[in-house]
Amino acid sequence: MAKQVYGAALALAMAGLMAVPANVVWAADGVRMVYGPGMLTCAGWRQHRSTGNKAATLQLQAWIDGFLSGYNTASEGTDFLAPQPTKDAYYAWIDNYCSQNPLNKVVQAAAALKNELTARAHR
């Protein structure tokens, strides 16, 4: 009986995973999977920031921090986060980007910020 319950729970969990649509972003060199709050639109970012939704804002900021840190850790060569601007500067940059591109996703804003930081590091 325990094996049947375990098997049924596993089957339900797998079916649930398959039912969740994948979040995909087109990159210059192909398709990339993106998970979490990075798929929110810039309009959503701006709404959370302007209305003082602290929990949502902190979650989005943590996602951006993780995105930039992950890219920086995985990239070879120049550390594009050095010298490191303050986090507030990152978020202000994202605010500006999102005000100009409200239909873009937060991941697109973070990628544009990463590109800007990379360009600065190579000057």
N, C-alpha and C. Protein backbone atom coordinates (compact mmCIF):
# COMPACT_ATOMS: atom_id res chain seq x y z
N MET A 1 0.82 -1.19 0.00
CA MET A 1 0.00 0.00 0.00
C MET A 1 0.87 1.25 0.00
N ALA A 2 1.93 1.24 0.80
CA ALA A 2 2.81 2.41 0.87
C ALA A 2 3.47 2.66 -0.49
N LYS A 3 3.82 1.59 -1.20
CA LYS A 3 4.43 1.75 -2.52
C LYS A 3 3.44 2.38 -3.49
N GLN A 4 2.16 2.00 -3.38
CA GLN A 4 1.15 2.56 -4.28
C GLN A 4 0.94 4.04 -4.00
N VAL A 5 0.90 4.41 -2.73
CA VAL A 5 0.72 5.81 -2.36
C VAL A 5 1.92 6.62 -2.83
N TYR A 6 3.11 6.09 -2.60
CA TYR A 6 4.33 6.77 -3.03
C TYR A 6 4.35 6.93 -4.56
N GLY A 7 3.99 5.85 -5.26
CA GLY A 7 3.97 5.89 -6.72
C GLY A 7 2.96 6.89 -7.25
N ALA A 8 1.78 6.95 -6.61
CA ALA A 8 0.75 7.89 -7.03
C ALA A 8 1.20 9.33 -6.77
N ALA A 9 1.83 9.55 -5.63
CA ALA A 9 2.31 10.90 -5.31
C ALA A 9 3.39 11.33 -6.30
N LEU A 10 4.28 10.42 -6.65
CA LEU A 10 5.33 10.72 -7.61
C LEU A 10 4.74 11.02 -8.98
N ALA A 11 3.75 10.25 -9.40
CA ALA A 11 3.11 10.47 -10.70
C ALA A 11 2.41 11.82 -10.73
N LEU A 12 1.73 12.19 -9.65
CA LEU A 12 1.07 13.49 -9.59
C LEU A 12 2.09 14.63 -9.62
N ALA A 13 3.16 14.45 -8.91
CA ALA A 13 4.20 15.49 -8.90
C ALA A 13 4.80 15.66 -10.29
N MET A 14 5.07 14.57 -10.98
CA MET A 14 5.63 14.65 -12.33
C MET A 14 4.63 15.28 -13.28
N ALA A 15 3.36 14.94 -13.17
CA ALA A 15 2.34 15.53 -14.04
C ALA A 15 2.23 17.03 -13.77
N GLY A 16 2.35 17.41 -12.52
CA GLY A 16 2.30 18.83 -12.18
C GLY A 16 3.47 19.58 -12.78
N LEU A 17 4.64 18.98 -12.76
CA LEU A 17 5.81 19.62 -13.35
C LEU A 17 5.65 19.78 -14.86
N MET A 18 5.05 18.81 -15.50
CA MET A 18 4.88 18.91 -16.94
C MET A 18 3.80 19.92 -17.31
N ALA A 19 2.86 20.18 -16.42
CA ALA A 19 1.78 21.10 -16.70
C ALA A 19 2.21 22.56 -16.58
N VAL A 20 3.32 22.82 -15.92
CA VAL A 20 3.80 24.18 -15.74
C VAL A 20 4.50 24.62 -17.02
N PRO A 21 4.03 25.72 -17.63
CA PRO A 21 4.68 26.15 -18.86
C PRO A 21 6.08 26.68 -18.59
N ALA A 22 6.96 26.45 -19.51
CA ALA A 22 8.34 26.94 -19.38
C ALA A 22 8.38 28.42 -19.72
N ASN A 23 9.20 29.16 -19.00
CA ASN A 23 9.44 30.56 -19.32
C ASN A 23 10.71 30.62 -20.14
N VAL A 24 10.59 31.15 -21.34
CA VAL A 24 11.71 31.13 -22.26
C VAL A 24 12.03 32.56 -22.71
N VAL A 25 13.30 32.85 -22.85
CA VAL A 25 13.75 34.13 -23.36
C VAL A 25 14.66 33.84 -24.54
N TRP A 26 14.49 34.60 -25.60
CA TRP A 26 15.36 34.45 -26.77
C TRP A 26 16.63 35.22 -26.53
N ALA A 27 17.73 34.57 -26.67
CA ALA A 27 19.04 35.20 -26.52
C ALA A 27 19.69 35.25 -27.90
N ALA A 28 20.72 36.05 -28.03
CA ALA A 28 21.40 36.20 -29.32
C ALA A 28 21.90 34.85 -29.83
N ASP A 29 22.31 33.97 -28.92
CA ASP A 29 22.85 32.68 -29.34
C ASP A 29 21.88 31.53 -29.09
N GLY A 30 20.60 31.81 -28.92
CA GLY A 30 19.62 30.74 -28.76
C GLY A 30 18.63 31.04 -27.66
N VAL A 31 17.91 30.02 -27.24
CA VAL A 31 16.86 30.15 -26.24
C VAL A 31 17.42 29.84 -24.86
N ARG A 32 17.03 30.61 -23.88
CA ARG A 32 17.45 30.40 -22.50
C ARG A 32 16.23 30.24 -21.62
N MET A 33 16.29 29.31 -20.68
CA MET A 33 15.22 29.13 -19.71
C MET A 33 15.41 30.14 -18.59
N VAL A 34 14.34 30.74 -18.17
CA VAL A 34 14.39 31.71 -17.08
C VAL A 34 13.33 31.33 -16.07
N TYR A 35 13.71 31.31 -14.82
CA TYR A 35 12.80 30.93 -13.75
C TYR A 35 12.60 32.10 -12.80
N GLY A 36 11.44 32.18 -12.21
CA GLY A 36 11.20 33.13 -11.14
C GLY A 36 10.73 34.49 -11.60
N PRO A 37 10.90 35.47 -10.74
CA PRO A 37 10.35 36.80 -10.95
C PRO A 37 10.93 37.55 -12.14
N GLY A 38 11.99 37.07 -12.73
CA GLY A 38 12.57 37.75 -13.88
C GLY A 38 11.65 37.81 -15.08
N MET A 39 10.60 37.00 -15.08
CA MET A 39 9.66 37.01 -16.20
C MET A 39 8.55 38.05 -16.03
N LEU A 40 8.56 38.77 -14.92
CA LEU A 40 7.60 39.86 -14.73
C LEU A 40 7.93 40.98 -15.71
N THR A 41 6.91 41.70 -16.16
CA THR A 41 7.17 42.81 -17.06
C THR A 41 7.78 43.99 -16.31
N CYS A 42 8.39 44.87 -17.06
CA CYS A 42 8.93 46.09 -16.47
C CYS A 42 7.80 46.94 -15.86
N ALA A 43 6.63 46.89 -16.45
CA ALA A 43 5.50 47.62 -15.87
C ALA A 43 5.18 47.08 -14.47
N GLY A 44 5.26 45.76 -14.31
CA GLY A 44 5.07 45.15 -13.00
C GLY A 44 6.15 45.58 -12.01
N TRP A 45 7.41 45.61 -12.48
CA TRP A 45 8.53 46.09 -11.66
C TRP A 45 8.22 47.50 -11.16
N ARG A 46 7.84 48.37 -12.07
CA ARG A 46 7.58 49.77 -11.72
C ARG A 46 6.41 49.88 -10.75
N GLN A 47 5.39 49.05 -10.95
CA GLN A 47 4.23 49.09 -10.06
C GLN A 47 4.63 48.69 -8.64
N HIS A 48 5.38 47.61 -8.51
CA HIS A 48 5.81 47.16 -7.18
C HIS A 48 6.68 48.22 -6.51
N ARG A 49 7.57 48.83 -7.28
CA ARG A 49 8.47 49.84 -6.72
C ARG A 49 7.71 51.10 -6.33
N SER A 50 6.76 51.52 -7.13
CA SER A 50 6.06 52.79 -6.87
C SER A 50 4.99 52.67 -5.79
N THR A 51 4.41 51.50 -5.62
CA THR A 51 3.35 51.33 -4.63
C THR A 51 3.90 50.92 -3.27
N GLY A 52 5.20 50.69 -3.18
CA GLY A 52 5.79 50.32 -1.91
C GLY A 52 5.55 48.88 -1.51
N ASN A 53 5.30 47.99 -2.50
CA ASN A 53 5.13 46.57 -2.21
C ASN A 53 6.49 46.00 -1.87
N LYS A 54 6.84 46.09 -0.60
CA LYS A 54 8.19 45.75 -0.15
C LYS A 54 8.56 44.29 -0.42
N ALA A 55 7.63 43.38 -0.16
CA ALA A 55 7.94 41.95 -0.35
C ALA A 55 8.23 41.66 -1.82
N ALA A 56 7.40 42.14 -2.72
CA ALA A 56 7.60 41.89 -4.15
C ALA A 56 8.86 42.59 -4.64
N THR A 57 9.08 43.81 -4.17
CA THR A 57 10.28 44.55 -4.58
C THR A 57 11.54 43.84 -4.14
N LEU A 58 11.58 43.38 -2.90
CA LEU A 58 12.76 42.67 -2.39
C LEU A 58 12.99 41.37 -3.16
N GLN A 59 11.91 40.68 -3.52
CA GLN A 59 12.05 39.44 -4.28
C GLN A 59 12.65 39.74 -5.66
N LEU A 60 12.16 40.79 -6.32
CA LEU A 60 12.70 41.16 -7.62
C LEU A 60 14.15 41.61 -7.53
N GLN A 61 14.46 42.39 -6.51
CA GLN A 61 15.84 42.84 -6.33
C GLN A 61 16.76 41.66 -6.08
N ALA A 62 16.32 40.71 -5.29
CA ALA A 62 17.13 39.52 -5.03
C ALA A 62 17.32 38.72 -6.32
N TRP A 63 16.29 38.67 -7.16
CA TRP A 63 16.43 37.96 -8.43
C TRP A 63 17.48 38.64 -9.30
N ILE A 64 17.44 39.97 -9.36
CA ILE A 64 18.44 40.71 -10.16
C ILE A 64 19.84 40.49 -9.60
N ASP A 65 19.99 40.55 -8.27
CA ASP A 65 21.29 40.29 -7.65
C ASP A 65 21.80 38.91 -8.03
N GLY A 66 20.92 37.92 -7.97
CA GLY A 66 21.31 36.56 -8.33
C GLY A 66 21.67 36.42 -9.80
N PHE A 67 20.91 37.08 -10.66
CA PHE A 67 21.18 37.05 -12.10
C PHE A 67 22.56 37.62 -12.38
N LEU A 68 22.84 38.81 -11.85
CA LEU A 68 24.13 39.45 -12.09
C LEU A 68 25.28 38.66 -11.46
N SER A 69 25.07 38.18 -10.24
CA SER A 69 26.12 37.40 -9.56
C SER A 69 26.39 36.10 -10.30
N GLY A 70 25.34 35.43 -10.73
CA GLY A 70 25.50 34.17 -11.46
C GLY A 70 26.24 34.36 -12.77
N TYR A 71 25.87 35.41 -13.50
CA TYR A 71 26.56 35.68 -14.76
C TYR A 71 28.02 36.03 -14.50
N ASN A 72 28.24 36.86 -13.50
CA ASN A 72 29.60 37.28 -13.18
C ASN A 72 30.46 36.08 -12.77
N THR A 73 29.89 35.18 -12.01
CA THR A 73 30.63 34.00 -11.56
C THR A 73 30.92 33.05 -12.71
N ALA A 74 29.97 32.91 -13.63
CA ALA A 74 30.12 31.97 -14.73
C ALA A 74 30.99 32.50 -15.86
N SER A 75 31.10 33.82 -15.96
CA SER A 75 31.86 34.39 -17.08
C SER A 75 33.35 34.27 -16.83
N GLU A 76 34.07 34.13 -17.92
CA GLU A 76 35.52 34.04 -17.82
C GLU A 76 36.11 35.40 -18.16
N GLY A 77 37.21 35.71 -17.58
CA GLY A 77 37.87 36.96 -17.90
C GLY A 77 37.54 38.04 -16.89
N THR A 78 37.22 39.22 -17.39
CA THR A 78 37.02 40.40 -16.56
C THR A 78 35.83 40.25 -15.63
N ASP A 79 36.04 40.63 -14.39
CA ASP A 79 34.96 40.67 -13.40
C ASP A 79 34.19 41.95 -13.64
N PHE A 80 33.03 41.86 -14.31
CA PHE A 80 32.32 43.07 -14.71
C PHE A 80 31.67 43.80 -13.54
N LEU A 81 31.63 43.19 -12.38
CA LEU A 81 31.03 43.84 -11.22
C LEU A 81 32.07 44.59 -10.38
N ALA A 82 33.29 44.70 -10.87
CA ALA A 82 34.33 45.39 -10.11
C ALA A 82 34.79 46.63 -10.87
N PRO A 83 34.88 47.78 -10.26
CA PRO A 83 34.44 48.04 -8.89
C PRO A 83 32.91 48.02 -8.84
N GLN A 84 32.41 47.48 -7.77
CA GLN A 84 30.98 47.22 -7.66
C GLN A 84 30.21 48.49 -7.31
N PRO A 85 29.28 48.91 -8.19
CA PRO A 85 28.38 50.00 -7.81
C PRO A 85 27.45 49.53 -6.70
N THR A 86 26.81 50.45 -6.05
CA THR A 86 25.87 50.05 -5.01
C THR A 86 24.66 49.37 -5.63
N LYS A 87 23.99 48.54 -4.84
CA LYS A 87 22.78 47.88 -5.33
C LYS A 87 21.73 48.91 -5.71
N ASP A 88 21.67 50.02 -4.95
CA ASP A 88 20.70 51.06 -5.28
C ASP A 88 20.94 51.61 -6.68
N ALA A 89 22.20 51.68 -7.10
CA ALA A 89 22.50 52.15 -8.45
C ALA A 89 21.97 51.16 -9.48
N TYR A 90 22.09 49.85 -9.20
CA TYR A 90 21.54 48.85 -10.11
C TYR A 90 20.03 49.03 -10.25
N TYR A 91 19.37 49.16 -9.13
CA TYR A 91 17.91 49.24 -9.15
C TYR A 91 17.44 50.54 -9.81
N ALA A 92 18.17 51.63 -9.61
CA ALA A 92 17.83 52.89 -10.29
C ALA A 92 18.03 52.73 -11.80
N TRP A 93 19.06 51.99 -12.21
CA TRP A 93 19.29 51.74 -13.63
C TRP A 93 18.12 50.95 -14.20
N ILE A 94 17.69 49.92 -13.46
CA ILE A 94 16.55 49.10 -13.88
C ILE A 94 15.29 49.97 -13.94
N ASP A 95 15.09 50.85 -12.94
CA ASP A 95 13.94 51.77 -12.96
C ASP A 95 13.92 52.57 -14.27
N ASN A 96 15.07 53.13 -14.64
CA ASN A 96 15.17 53.94 -15.85
C ASN A 96 14.88 53.09 -17.09
N TYR A 97 15.48 51.92 -17.17
CA TYR A 97 15.25 51.03 -18.31
C TYR A 97 13.78 50.67 -18.42
N CYS A 98 13.18 50.32 -17.29
CA CYS A 98 11.78 49.89 -17.30
C CYS A 98 10.82 51.02 -17.62
N SER A 99 11.17 52.25 -17.26
CA SER A 99 10.30 53.37 -17.61
C SER A 99 10.28 53.58 -19.12
N GLN A 100 11.37 53.22 -19.79
CA GLN A 100 11.45 53.36 -21.24
C GLN A 100 10.96 52.12 -21.99
N ASN A 101 10.89 50.97 -21.30
CA ASN A 101 10.52 49.69 -21.92
C ASN A 101 9.53 48.92 -21.06
N PRO A 102 8.34 49.45 -20.83
CA PRO A 102 7.41 48.81 -19.88
C PRO A 102 6.93 47.41 -20.27
N LEU A 103 6.97 47.07 -21.54
CA LEU A 103 6.50 45.75 -21.97
C LEU A 103 7.59 44.69 -21.93
N ASN A 104 8.84 45.12 -21.78
CA ASN A 104 9.93 44.15 -21.66
C ASN A 104 9.86 43.44 -20.31
N LYS A 105 10.54 42.32 -20.23
CA LYS A 105 10.61 41.55 -18.99
C LYS A 105 11.77 42.05 -18.14
N VAL A 106 11.68 41.80 -16.85
CA VAL A 106 12.76 42.18 -15.94
C VAL A 106 14.06 41.49 -16.34
N VAL A 107 13.99 40.28 -16.85
CA VAL A 107 15.20 39.59 -17.30
C VAL A 107 15.87 40.37 -18.43
N GLN A 108 15.10 41.00 -19.29
CA GLN A 108 15.68 41.79 -20.37
C GLN A 108 16.37 43.03 -19.79
N ALA A 109 15.77 43.63 -18.78
CA ALA A 109 16.39 44.78 -18.11
C ALA A 109 17.69 44.36 -17.45
N ALA A 110 17.68 43.23 -16.76
CA ALA A 110 18.88 42.74 -16.08
C ALA A 110 19.97 42.40 -17.09
N ALA A 111 19.59 41.82 -18.22
CA ALA A 111 20.58 41.50 -19.26
C ALA A 111 21.16 42.78 -19.85
N ALA A 112 20.33 43.80 -20.05
CA ALA A 112 20.83 45.07 -20.57
C ALA A 112 21.79 45.72 -19.57
N LEU A 113 21.47 45.62 -18.28
CA LEU A 113 22.36 46.14 -17.24
C LEU A 113 23.68 45.38 -17.26
N LYS A 114 23.61 44.07 -17.38
CA LYS A 114 24.82 43.24 -17.46
C LYS A 114 25.66 43.67 -18.65
N ASN A 115 25.02 43.92 -19.80
CA ASN A 115 25.76 44.37 -20.99
C ASN A 115 26.42 45.72 -20.76
N GLU A 116 25.72 46.62 -20.10
CA GLU A 116 26.27 47.94 -19.78
C GLU A 116 27.48 47.81 -18.85
N LEU A 117 27.36 47.00 -17.82
CA LEU A 117 28.46 46.80 -16.89
C LEU A 117 29.65 46.13 -17.54
N THR A 118 29.37 45.18 -18.44
CA THR A 118 30.45 44.50 -19.16
C THR A 118 31.18 45.49 -20.06
N ALA A 119 30.44 46.35 -20.74
CA ALA A 119 31.06 47.35 -21.61
C ALA A 119 31.94 48.30 -20.79
N ARG A 120 31.46 48.70 -19.63
CA ARG A 120 32.25 49.59 -18.76
C ARG A 120 33.53 48.91 -18.29
N ALA A 121 33.44 47.62 -17.99
CA ALA A 121 34.61 46.89 -17.49
C ALA A 121 35.69 46.77 -18.56
N HIS A 122 35.30 46.81 -19.82
CA HIS A 122 36.27 46.63 -20.91
C HIS A 122 36.79 47.96 -21.46
N ARG A 123 36.44 49.06 -20.84
CA ARG A 123 36.94 50.38 -21.30
C ARG A 123 38.29 50.66 -20.74
